[in-house]
Amino acid sequence: VVLTDDGCSAVAVPVETLDKVRLQDFVAI
């Protein structure tokens, strides 16, 4: 999910439901 507030924006995912594929996608960002 993408969240933004007061100039700070991030894409976030819970660790519990994180998998290796999405982790690689995050690292690439």
PDB file of all heavy atoms in Angstrom:
ATOM      1  N   VAL A   1       0.864  -1.184   0.000  1.00  0.00           N
ATOM      2  CA  VAL A   1       0.000   0.000   0.000  1.00  0.00           C
ATOM      3  C   VAL A   1       0.898   1.230   0.000  1.00  0.00           C
ATOM      4  O   VAL A   1       1.957   1.232   0.635  1.00  0.00           O
ATOM      5  CB  VAL A   1      -0.916  -0.009   1.238  1.00  0.00           C
ATOM      6  CG1 VAL A   1      -1.658   1.320   1.383  1.00  0.00           C
ATOM      7  CG2 VAL A   1      -1.908  -1.164   1.173  1.00  0.00           C
ATOM      8  N   VAL A   2       0.493   2.271  -0.711  1.00  0.00           N
ATOM      9  CA  VAL A   2       1.243   3.524  -0.750  1.00  0.00           C
ATOM     10  C   VAL A   2       0.607   4.513   0.219  1.00  0.00           C
ATOM     11  O   VAL A   2      -0.609   4.745   0.175  1.00  0.00           O
ATOM     12  CB  VAL A   2       1.269   4.116  -2.173  1.00  0.00           C
ATOM     13  CG1 VAL A   2       2.043   5.422  -2.190  1.00  0.00           C
ATOM     14  CG2 VAL A   2       1.880   3.116  -3.155  1.00  0.00           C
ATOM     15  N   LEU A   3       1.442   5.097   1.099  1.00  0.00           N
ATOM     16  CA  LEU A   3       0.971   6.075   2.074  1.00  0.00           C
ATOM     17  C   LEU A   3       1.767   7.361   1.930  1.00  0.00           C
ATOM     18  O   LEU A   3       2.972   7.326   1.643  1.00  0.00           O
ATOM     19  CB  LEU A   3       1.115   5.543   3.505  1.00  0.00           C
ATOM     20  CG  LEU A   3       0.410   4.229   3.823  1.00  0.00           C
ATOM     21  CD1 LEU A   3       1.437   3.100   3.846  1.00  0.00           C
ATOM     22  CD2 LEU A   3      -0.310   4.299   5.146  1.00  0.00           C
ATOM     23  N   THR A   4       1.095   8.476   2.161  1.00  0.00           N
ATOM     24  CA  THR A   4       1.782   9.767   2.065  1.00  0.00           C
ATOM     25  C   THR A   4       1.281  10.705   3.148  1.00  0.00           C
ATOM     26  O   THR A   4       0.109  10.658   3.535  1.00  0.00           O
ATOM     27  CB  THR A   4       1.582  10.393   0.672  1.00  0.00           C
ATOM     28  OG1 THR A   4       2.404  11.544   0.547  1.00  0.00           O
ATOM     29  CG2 THR A   4       0.128  10.795   0.453  1.00  0.00           C
ATOM     30  N   ASP A   5       2.173  11.561   3.633  1.00  0.00           N
ATOM     31  CA  ASP A   5       1.803  12.561   4.637  1.00  0.00           C
ATOM     32  C   ASP A   5       2.919  13.578   4.792  1.00  0.00           C
ATOM     33  O   ASP A   5       4.072  13.210   5.046  1.00  0.00           O
ATOM     34  CB  ASP A   5       1.522  11.893   5.993  1.00  0.00           C
ATOM     35  CG  ASP A   5       1.049  12.886   7.032  1.00  0.00           C
ATOM     36  OD1 ASP A   5       0.111  13.649   6.756  1.00  0.00           O
ATOM     37  OD2 ASP A   5       1.626  12.909   8.147  1.00  0.00           O
ATOM     38  N   ASP A   6       2.593  14.845   4.629  1.00  0.00           N
ATOM     39  CA  ASP A   6       3.500  15.949   4.930  1.00  0.00           C
ATOM     40  C   ASP A   6       4.873  15.777   4.272  1.00  0.00           C
ATOM     41  O   ASP A   6       5.918  15.873   4.926  1.00  0.00           O
ATOM     42  CB  ASP A   6       3.652  16.078   6.448  1.00  0.00           C
ATOM     43  CG  ASP A   6       4.260  17.422   6.853  1.00  0.00           C
ATOM     44  OD1 ASP A   6       4.181  18.373   6.054  1.00  0.00           O
ATOM     45  OD2 ASP A   6       4.821  17.498   7.963  1.00  0.00           O
ATOM     46  N   GLY A   7       4.859  15.485   2.985  1.00  0.00           N
ATOM     47  CA  GLY A   7       6.107  15.388   2.229  1.00  0.00           C
ATOM     48  C   GLY A   7       6.812  14.063   2.325  1.00  0.00           C
ATOM     49  O   GLY A   7       7.858  13.862   1.697  1.00  0.00           O
ATOM     50  N   CYS A   8       6.279  13.133   3.115  1.00  0.00           N
ATOM     51  CA  CYS A   8       6.883  11.803   3.250  1.00  0.00           C
ATOM     52  C   CYS A   8       5.954  10.783   2.604  1.00  0.00           C
ATOM     53  O   CYS A   8       4.768  10.710   2.929  1.00  0.00           O
ATOM     54  CB  CYS A   8       7.099  11.456   4.720  1.00  0.00           C
ATOM     55  SG  CYS A   8       7.744   9.796   5.009  1.00  0.00           S
ATOM     56  N   SER A   9       6.485   9.997   1.668  1.00  0.00           N
ATOM     57  CA  SER A   9       5.682   8.983   0.982  1.00  0.00           C
ATOM     58  C   SER A   9       6.452   7.679   0.937  1.00  0.00           C
ATOM     59  O   SER A   9       7.672   7.665   0.706  1.00  0.00           O
ATOM     60  CB  SER A   9       5.343   9.429  -0.444  1.00  0.00           C
ATOM     61  OG  SER A   9       4.630  10.655  -0.444  1.00  0.00           O
ATOM     62  N   ALA A  10       5.751   6.586   1.158  1.00  0.00           N
ATOM     63  CA  ALA A  10       6.409   5.280   1.158  1.00  0.00           C
ATOM     64  C   ALA A  10       5.430   4.214   0.708  1.00  0.00           C
ATOM     65  O   ALA A  10       4.206   4.355   0.870  1.00  0.00           O
ATOM     66  CB  ALA A  10       6.949   4.952   2.543  1.00  0.00           C
ATOM     67  N   VAL A  11       5.962   3.149   0.141  1.00  0.00           N
ATOM     68  CA  VAL A  11       5.178   1.959  -0.132  1.00  0.00           C
ATOM     69  C   VAL A  11       5.495   0.971   0.983  1.00  0.00           C
ATOM     70  O   VAL A  11       6.646   0.814   1.382  1.00  0.00           O
ATOM     71  CB  VAL A  11       5.489   1.380  -1.533  1.00  0.00           C
ATOM     72  CG1 VAL A  11       6.961   1.057  -1.694  1.00  0.00           C
ATOM     73  CG2 VAL A  11       4.645   0.134  -1.805  1.00  0.00           C
ATOM     74  N   ALA A  12       4.456   0.337   1.532  1.00  0.00           N
ATOM     75  CA  ALA A  12       4.620  -0.484   2.731  1.00  0.00           C
ATOM     76  C   ALA A  12       3.941  -1.827   2.564  1.00  0.00           C
ATOM     77  O   ALA A  12       2.899  -1.939   1.900  1.00  0.00           O
ATOM     78  CB  ALA A  12       4.024   0.253   3.941  1.00  0.00           C
ATOM     79  N   VAL A  13       4.516  -2.844   3.193  1.00  0.00           N
ATOM     80  CA  VAL A  13       3.924  -4.178   3.201  1.00  0.00           C
ATOM     81  C   VAL A  13       4.263  -4.839   4.544  1.00  0.00           C
ATOM     82  O   VAL A  13       5.385  -4.698   5.040  1.00  0.00           O
ATOM     83  CB  VAL A  13       4.437  -5.029   2.017  1.00  0.00           C
ATOM     84  CG1 VAL A  13       5.933  -5.322   2.157  1.00  0.00           C
ATOM     85  CG2 VAL A  13       3.650  -6.320   1.876  1.00  0.00           C
ATOM     86  N   PRO A  14       3.319  -5.530   5.169  1.00  0.00           N
ATOM     87  CA  PRO A  14       3.619  -6.215   6.434  1.00  0.00           C
ATOM     88  C   PRO A  14       4.664  -7.306   6.241  1.00  0.00           C
ATOM     89  O   PRO A  14       4.648  -8.016   5.233  1.00  0.00           O
ATOM     90  CB  PRO A  14       2.269  -6.812   6.847  1.00  0.00           C
ATOM     91  CG  PRO A  14       1.246  -6.010   6.111  1.00  0.00           C
ATOM     92  CD  PRO A  14       1.890  -5.650   4.805  1.00  0.00           C
ATOM     93  N   VAL A  15       5.539  -7.445   7.202  1.00  0.00           N
ATOM     94  CA  VAL A  15       6.567  -8.479   7.122  1.00  0.00           C
ATOM     95  C   VAL A  15       5.933  -9.869   7.108  1.00  0.00           C
ATOM     96  O   VAL A  15       6.395 -10.768   6.404  1.00  0.00           O
ATOM     97  CB  VAL A  15       7.546  -8.343   8.306  1.00  0.00           C
ATOM     98  CG1 VAL A  15       8.522  -9.517   8.337  1.00  0.00           C
ATOM     99  CG2 VAL A  15       8.303  -7.026   8.211  1.00  0.00           C
ATOM    100  N   GLU A  16       4.843 -10.030   7.847  1.00  0.00           N
ATOM    101  CA  GLU A  16       4.215 -11.349   7.951  1.00  0.00           C
ATOM    102  C   GLU A  16       3.765 -11.892   6.598  1.00  0.00           C
ATOM    103  O   GLU A  16       3.795 -13.104   6.367  1.00  0.00           O
ATOM    104  CB  GLU A  16       3.021 -11.283   8.911  1.00  0.00           C
ATOM    105  CG  GLU A  16       2.338 -12.627   9.108  1.00  0.00           C
ATOM    106  CD  GLU A  16       1.243 -12.589  10.154  1.00  0.00           C
ATOM    107  OE1 GLU A  16       1.221 -11.650  10.970  1.00  0.00           O
ATOM    108  OE2 GLU A  16       0.413 -13.512  10.162  1.00  0.00           O
ATOM    109  N   THR A  17       3.335 -11.010   5.693  1.00  0.00           N
ATOM    110  CA  THR A  17       2.834 -11.466   4.388  1.00  0.00           C
ATOM    111  C   THR A  17       3.801 -11.156   3.244  1.00  0.00           C
ATOM    112  O   THR A  17       3.448 -11.288   2.069  1.00  0.00           O
ATOM    113  CB  THR A  17       1.461 -10.829   4.101  1.00  0.00           C
ATOM    114  OG1 THR A  17       1.546  -9.404   4.237  1.00  0.00           O
ATOM    115  CG2 THR A  17       0.406 -11.365   5.051  1.00  0.00           C
ATOM    116  N   LEU A  18       5.015 -10.754   3.589  1.00  0.00           N
ATOM    117  CA  LEU A  18       6.041 -10.448   2.584  1.00  0.00           C
ATOM    118  C   LEU A  18       6.649 -11.738   2.024  1.00  0.00           C
ATOM    119  O   LEU A  18       6.897 -12.691   2.766  1.00  0.00           O
ATOM    120  CB  LEU A  18       7.137  -9.593   3.234  1.00  0.00           C
ATOM    121  CG  LEU A  18       8.355  -9.235   2.384  1.00  0.00           C
ATOM    122  CD1 LEU A  18       7.967  -8.306   1.248  1.00  0.00           C
ATOM    123  CD2 LEU A  18       9.433  -8.589   3.276  1.00  0.00           C
ATOM    124  N   ASP A  19       6.879 -11.769   0.718  1.00  0.00           N
ATOM    125  CA  ASP A  19       7.569 -12.916   0.114  1.00  0.00           C
ATOM    126  C   ASP A  19       8.846 -12.445  -0.589  1.00  0.00           C
ATOM    127  O   ASP A  19       9.119 -11.246  -0.689  1.00  0.00           O
ATOM    128  CB  ASP A  19       6.655 -13.682  -0.852  1.00  0.00           C
ATOM    129  CG  ASP A  19       6.152 -12.826  -2.010  1.00  0.00           C
ATOM    130  OD1 ASP A  19       6.838 -11.853  -2.397  1.00  0.00           O
ATOM    131  OD2 ASP A  19       5.061 -13.126  -2.538  1.00  0.00           O
ATOM    132  N   LYS A  20       9.626 -13.402  -1.072  1.00  0.00           N
ATOM    133  CA  LYS A  20      10.924 -13.081  -1.667  1.00  0.00           C
ATOM    134  C   LYS A  20      10.797 -12.235  -2.926  1.00  0.00           C
ATOM    135  O   LYS A  20      11.626 -11.360  -3.186  1.00  0.00           O
ATOM    136  CB  LYS A  20      11.689 -14.379  -1.981  1.00  0.00           C
ATOM    137  CG  LYS A  20      12.134 -15.149  -0.749  1.00  0.00           C
ATOM    138  CD  LYS A  20      12.907 -16.408  -1.126  1.00  0.00           C
ATOM    139  CE  LYS A  20      13.365 -17.165   0.115  1.00  0.00           C
ATOM    140  NZ  LYS A  20      14.104 -18.402  -0.251  1.00  0.00           N
ATOM    141  N   VAL A  21       9.769 -12.488  -3.722  1.00  0.00           N
ATOM    142  CA  VAL A  21       9.597 -11.741  -4.972  1.00  0.00           C
ATOM    143  C   VAL A  21       9.345 -10.266  -4.674  1.00  0.00           C
ATOM    144  O   VAL A  21       9.980  -9.384  -5.265  1.00  0.00           O
ATOM    145  CB  VAL A  21       8.441 -12.324  -5.804  1.00  0.00           C
ATOM    146  CG1 VAL A  21       8.173 -11.458  -7.032  1.00  0.00           C
ATOM    147  CG2 VAL A  21       8.763 -13.757  -6.231  1.00  0.00           C
ATOM    148  N   ARG A  22       8.440  -9.989  -3.750  1.00  0.00           N
ATOM    149  CA  ARG A  22       8.148  -8.587  -3.439  1.00  0.00           C
ATOM    150  C   ARG A  22       9.319  -7.936  -2.711  1.00  0.00           C
ATOM    151  O   ARG A  22       9.554  -6.739  -2.862  1.00  0.00           O
ATOM    152  CB  ARG A  22       6.868  -8.480  -2.616  1.00  0.00           C
ATOM    153  CG  ARG A  22       5.622  -8.609  -3.500  1.00  0.00           C
ATOM    154  CD  ARG A  22       4.495  -7.725  -3.033  1.00  0.00           C
ATOM    155  NE  ARG A  22       3.504  -7.565  -4.086  1.00  0.00           N
ATOM    156  CZ  ARG A  22       2.447  -8.368  -4.263  1.00  0.00           C
ATOM    157  NH1 ARG A  22       2.273  -9.387  -3.456  1.00  0.00           N
ATOM    158  NH2 ARG A  22       1.589  -8.143  -5.238  1.00  0.00           N
ATOM    159  N   LEU A  23      10.055  -8.704  -1.935  1.00  0.00           N
ATOM    160  CA  LEU A  23      11.242  -8.147  -1.295  1.00  0.00           C
ATOM    161  C   LEU A  23      12.235  -7.677  -2.352  1.00  0.00           C
ATOM    162  O   LEU A  23      12.815  -6.588  -2.239  1.00  0.00           O
ATOM    163  CB  LEU A  23      11.889  -9.178  -0.364  1.00  0.00           C
ATOM    164  CG  LEU A  23      13.211  -8.759   0.282  1.00  0.00           C
ATOM    165  CD1 LEU A  23      13.054  -7.463   1.074  1.00  0.00           C
ATOM    166  CD2 LEU A  23      13.761  -9.873   1.164  1.00  0.00           C
ATOM    167  N   GLN A  24      12.443  -8.462  -3.399  1.00  0.00           N
ATOM    168  CA  GLN A  24      13.343  -8.060  -4.486  1.00  0.00           C
ATOM    169  C   GLN A  24      12.850  -6.789  -5.167  1.00  0.00           C
ATOM    170  O   GLN A  24      13.636  -5.910  -5.532  1.00  0.00           O
ATOM    171  CB  GLN A  24      13.456  -9.199  -5.504  1.00  0.00           C
ATOM    172  CG  GLN A  24      14.214 -10.416  -4.979  1.00  0.00           C
ATOM    173  CD  GLN A  24      14.184 -11.585  -5.945  1.00  0.00           C
ATOM    174  OE1 GLN A  24      13.501 -11.537  -6.975  1.00  0.00           O
ATOM    175  NE2 GLN A  24      14.911 -12.649  -5.616  1.00  0.00           N
ATOM    176  N   ASP A  25      11.520  -6.685  -5.327  1.00  0.00           N
ATOM    177  CA  ASP A  25      10.949  -5.482  -5.923  1.00  0.00           C
ATOM    178  C   ASP A  25      11.217  -4.259  -5.042  1.00  0.00           C
ATOM    179  O   ASP A  25      11.534  -3.171  -5.552  1.00  0.00           O
ATOM    180  CB  ASP A  25       9.440  -5.646  -6.125  1.00  0.00           C
ATOM    181  CG  ASP A  25       9.106  -6.685  -7.192  1.00  0.00           C
ATOM    182  OD1 ASP A  25       9.990  -6.967  -8.022  1.00  0.00           O
ATOM    183  OD2 ASP A  25       7.976  -7.190  -7.187  1.00  0.00           O
ATOM    184  N   PHE A  26      11.096  -4.417  -3.740  1.00  0.00           N
ATOM    185  CA  PHE A  26      11.358  -3.316  -2.807  1.00  0.00           C
ATOM    186  C   PHE A  26      12.823  -2.896  -2.876  1.00  0.00           C
ATOM    187  O   PHE A  26      13.143  -1.701  -2.902  1.00  0.00           O
ATOM    188  CB  PHE A  26      10.987  -3.743  -1.375  1.00  0.00           C
ATOM    189  CG  PHE A  26       9.583  -3.410  -0.975  1.00  0.00           C
ATOM    190  CD1 PHE A  26       8.506  -3.850  -1.721  1.00  0.00           C
ATOM    191  CD2 PHE A  26       9.330  -2.648   0.153  1.00  0.00           C
ATOM    192  CE1 PHE A  26       7.204  -3.548  -1.362  1.00  0.00           C
ATOM    193  CE2 PHE A  26       8.037  -2.331   0.529  1.00  0.00           C
ATOM    194  CZ  PHE A  26       6.968  -2.784  -0.224  1.00  0.00           C
ATOM    195  N   VAL A  27      13.708  -3.875  -2.897  1.00  0.00           N
ATOM    196  CA  VAL A  27      15.146  -3.583  -2.950  1.00  0.00           C
ATOM    197  C   VAL A  27      15.487  -2.793  -4.208  1.00  0.00           C
ATOM    198  O   VAL A  27      16.348  -1.893  -4.182  1.00  0.00           O
ATOM    199  CB  VAL A  27      15.957  -4.900  -2.896  1.00  0.00           C
ATOM    200  CG1 VAL A  27      17.429  -4.635  -3.193  1.00  0.00           C
ATOM    201  CG2 VAL A  27      15.809  -5.559  -1.523  1.00  0.00           C
ATOM    202  N   ALA A  28      14.805  -3.082  -5.293  1.00  0.00           N
ATOM    203  CA  ALA A  28      15.075  -2.394  -6.551  1.00  0.00           C
ATOM    204  C   ALA A  28      14.668  -0.924  -6.515  1.00  0.00           C
ATOM    205  O   ALA A  28      15.170  -0.110  -7.295  1.00  0.00           O
ATOM    206  CB  ALA A  28      14.343  -3.102  -7.692  1.00  0.00           C
ATOM    207  N   ILE A  29      13.767  -0.565  -5.589  1.00  0.00           N
ATOM    208  CA  ILE A  29      13.288   0.820  -5.502  1.00  0.00           C
ATOM    209  C   ILE A  29      14.272   1.708  -4.752  1.00  0.00           C
ATOM    210  O   ILE A  29      14.555   2.845  -5.154  1.00  0.00           O
ATOM    211  CB  ILE A  29      11.900   0.871  -4.832  1.00  0.00           C
ATOM    212  CG1 ILE A  29      10.873   0.114  -5.678  1.00  0.00           C
ATOM    213  CG2 ILE A  29      11.442   2.322  -4.634  1.00  0.00           C
ATOM    214  CD1 ILE A  29       9.535  -0.081  -4.989  1.00  0.00           C
TER     215      ILE A  29
END
